[in-house]
């Protein structure tokens, strides 16, 4: 999985999670804390499985939900053109 425009993507912590900004397009996404963890994992070069593992380590959520939510976020990012592959 590859992040498109990776050099233009910036993530900033907020009181309620994080915001991901695509500096090339000006689009931004508000992320809750687990979504921020998934996004940071992708920015670090990790994949969906690594993102789920990190979410499970940091949050009180079951594996099925973490997997479903991580994949839904990645699918949404793919649809927005942020993730390719």
C-alpha atoms as a PDB file:
ATOM      1  CA  UNK A   1       0.000   0.000   0.000  1.00  0.00           C
ATOM      2  CA  UNK A   2       1.360   3.366  -0.953  1.00  0.00           C
ATOM      3  CA  UNK A   3       0.321   6.844   0.079  1.00  0.00           C
ATOM      4  CA  UNK A   4      -0.108   9.135  -2.894  1.00  0.00           C
ATOM      5  CA  UNK A   5       1.380  12.638  -2.511  1.00  0.00           C
ATOM      6  CA  UNK A   6       3.095  11.419   0.656  1.00  0.00           C
ATOM      7  CA  UNK A   7       5.489  14.349   0.634  1.00  0.00           C
ATOM      8  CA  UNK A   8       2.460  16.674   0.694  1.00  0.00           C
ATOM      9  CA  UNK A   9       0.649  14.928   3.557  1.00  0.00           C
ATOM     10  CA  UNK A  10       0.934  16.304   7.074  1.00  0.00           C
ATOM     11  CA  UNK A  11      -0.743  15.083  10.224  1.00  0.00           C
ATOM     12  CA  UNK A  12      -1.258  17.301  13.239  1.00  0.00           C
ATOM     13  CA  UNK A  13      -2.562  16.278  16.650  1.00  0.00           C
ATOM     14  CA  UNK A  14      -5.706  17.941  17.912  1.00  0.00           C
ATOM     15  CA  UNK A  15      -7.644  17.762  21.148  1.00  0.00           C
ATOM     16  CA  UNK A  16      -9.902  15.108  19.597  1.00  0.00           C
ATOM     17  CA  UNK A  17      -7.439  13.076  17.513  1.00  0.00           C
ATOM     18  CA  UNK A  18      -5.671  14.529  14.506  1.00  0.00           C
ATOM     19  CA  UNK A  19      -6.101  16.286  11.193  1.00  0.00           C
ATOM     20  CA  UNK A  20      -4.550  14.984   7.985  1.00  0.00           C
ATOM     21  CA  UNK A  21      -3.826  17.668   5.392  1.00  0.00           C
ATOM     22  CA  UNK A  22      -2.977  17.101   1.750  1.00  0.00           C
ATOM     23  CA  UNK A  23      -0.948  20.216   1.037  1.00  0.00           C
ATOM     24  CA  UNK A  24      -1.108  19.571  -2.699  1.00  0.00           C
ATOM     25  CA  UNK A  25      -4.906  19.539  -2.963  1.00  0.00           C
ATOM     26  CA  UNK A  26      -5.853  21.453   0.185  1.00  0.00           C
ATOM     27  CA  UNK A  27      -8.133  18.635   1.299  1.00  0.00           C
ATOM     28  CA  UNK A  28      -8.132  17.681   4.951  1.00  0.00           C
ATOM     29  CA  UNK A  29      -9.658  14.998   7.132  1.00  0.00           C
ATOM     30  CA  UNK A  30     -10.461  15.113  10.827  1.00  0.00           C
ATOM     31  CA  UNK A  31      -9.433  11.822  12.451  1.00  0.00           C
ATOM     32  CA  UNK A  32     -10.461  10.313  15.757  1.00  0.00           C
ATOM     33  CA  UNK A  33      -7.610   8.825  17.834  1.00  0.00           C
ATOM     34  CA  UNK A  34      -7.765   5.279  16.354  1.00  0.00           C
ATOM     35  CA  UNK A  35      -7.988   6.694  12.812  1.00  0.00           C
ATOM     36  CA  UNK A  36      -4.983   8.883  13.579  1.00  0.00           C
ATOM     37  CA  UNK A  37      -3.072   5.768  14.642  1.00  0.00           C
ATOM     38  CA  UNK A  38      -3.978   4.022  11.378  1.00  0.00           C
ATOM     39  CA  UNK A  39      -2.927   7.073   9.370  1.00  0.00           C
ATOM     40  CA  UNK A  40       0.365   7.473  11.219  1.00  0.00           C
ATOM     41  CA  UNK A  41       1.117   3.794  10.592  1.00  0.00           C
ATOM     42  CA  UNK A  42       0.559   4.278   6.870  1.00  0.00           C
ATOM     43  CA  UNK A  43       2.713   7.422   6.869  1.00  0.00           C
ATOM     44  CA  UNK A  44       5.439   5.398   8.614  1.00  0.00           C
ATOM     45  CA  UNK A  45       5.316   2.889   5.737  1.00  0.00           C
ATOM     46  CA  UNK A  46       3.218   0.275   7.539  1.00  0.00           C
ATOM     47  CA  UNK A  47       0.312  -1.642   6.094  1.00  0.00           C
ATOM     48  CA  UNK A  48      -3.254  -2.346   7.220  1.00  0.00           C
ATOM     49  CA  UNK A  49      -2.246  -5.277   9.420  1.00  0.00           C
ATOM     50  CA  UNK A  50       0.359  -3.193  11.228  1.00  0.00           C
ATOM     51  CA  UNK A  51      -2.198  -0.420  11.679  1.00  0.00           C
ATOM     52  CA  UNK A  52      -4.688  -2.843  13.253  1.00  0.00           C
ATOM     53  CA  UNK A  53      -1.990  -4.181  15.578  1.00  0.00           C
ATOM     54  CA  UNK A  54      -1.143  -0.655  16.746  1.00  0.00           C
ATOM     55  CA  UNK A  55      -4.805   0.186  17.312  1.00  0.00           C
ATOM     56  CA  UNK A  56      -5.252  -2.965  19.393  1.00  0.00           C
ATOM     57  CA  UNK A  57      -2.196  -2.065  21.490  1.00  0.00           C
ATOM     58  CA  UNK A  58      -3.388   1.487  22.168  1.00  0.00           C
ATOM     59  CA  UNK A  59      -7.177   1.251  22.464  1.00  0.00           C
ATOM     60  CA  UNK A  60      -9.734  -0.925  24.203  1.00  0.00           C
ATOM     61  CA  UNK A  61     -11.365  -2.374  21.079  1.00  0.00           C
ATOM     62  CA  UNK A  62     -11.833  -5.916  19.828  1.00  0.00           C
ATOM     63  CA  UNK A  63      -9.864  -7.201  16.845  1.00  0.00           C
ATOM     64  CA  UNK A  64     -12.889  -7.555  14.575  1.00  0.00           C
ATOM     65  CA  UNK A  65     -13.935  -3.941  15.024  1.00  0.00           C
ATOM     66  CA  UNK A  66     -10.371  -2.619  14.733  1.00  0.00           C
ATOM     67  CA  UNK A  67      -9.885  -4.546  11.495  1.00  0.00           C
ATOM     68  CA  UNK A  68     -13.222  -3.444  10.043  1.00  0.00           C
ATOM     69  CA  UNK A  69     -12.700   0.208  10.971  1.00  0.00           C
ATOM     70  CA  UNK A  70      -9.092   0.319   9.728  1.00  0.00           C
ATOM     71  CA  UNK A  71     -10.076  -1.154   6.379  1.00  0.00           C
ATOM     72  CA  UNK A  72     -13.045   1.225   6.092  1.00  0.00           C
ATOM     73  CA  UNK A  73     -10.731   4.184   6.711  1.00  0.00           C
ATOM     74  CA  UNK A  74      -8.191   2.918   4.183  1.00  0.00           C
ATOM     75  CA  UNK A  75     -10.972   2.385   1.629  1.00  0.00           C
ATOM     76  CA  UNK A  76     -12.198   5.948   2.212  1.00  0.00           C
ATOM     77  CA  UNK A  77      -8.654   7.274   1.851  1.00  0.00           C
ATOM     78  CA  UNK A  78      -8.282   5.251  -1.358  1.00  0.00           C
ATOM     79  CA  UNK A  79     -11.530   6.721  -2.703  1.00  0.00           C
ATOM     80  CA  UNK A  80     -10.254  10.217  -1.852  1.00  0.00           C
ATOM     81  CA  UNK A  81      -7.051   9.502  -3.762  1.00  0.00           C
ATOM     82  CA  UNK A  82      -4.778   9.604  -0.725  1.00  0.00           C
ATOM     83  CA  UNK A  83      -3.978   5.879  -0.775  1.00  0.00           C
ATOM     84  CA  UNK A  84      -3.164   3.894  -3.880  1.00  0.00           C
ATOM     85  CA  UNK A  85      -2.717   0.156  -4.159  1.00  0.00           C
END
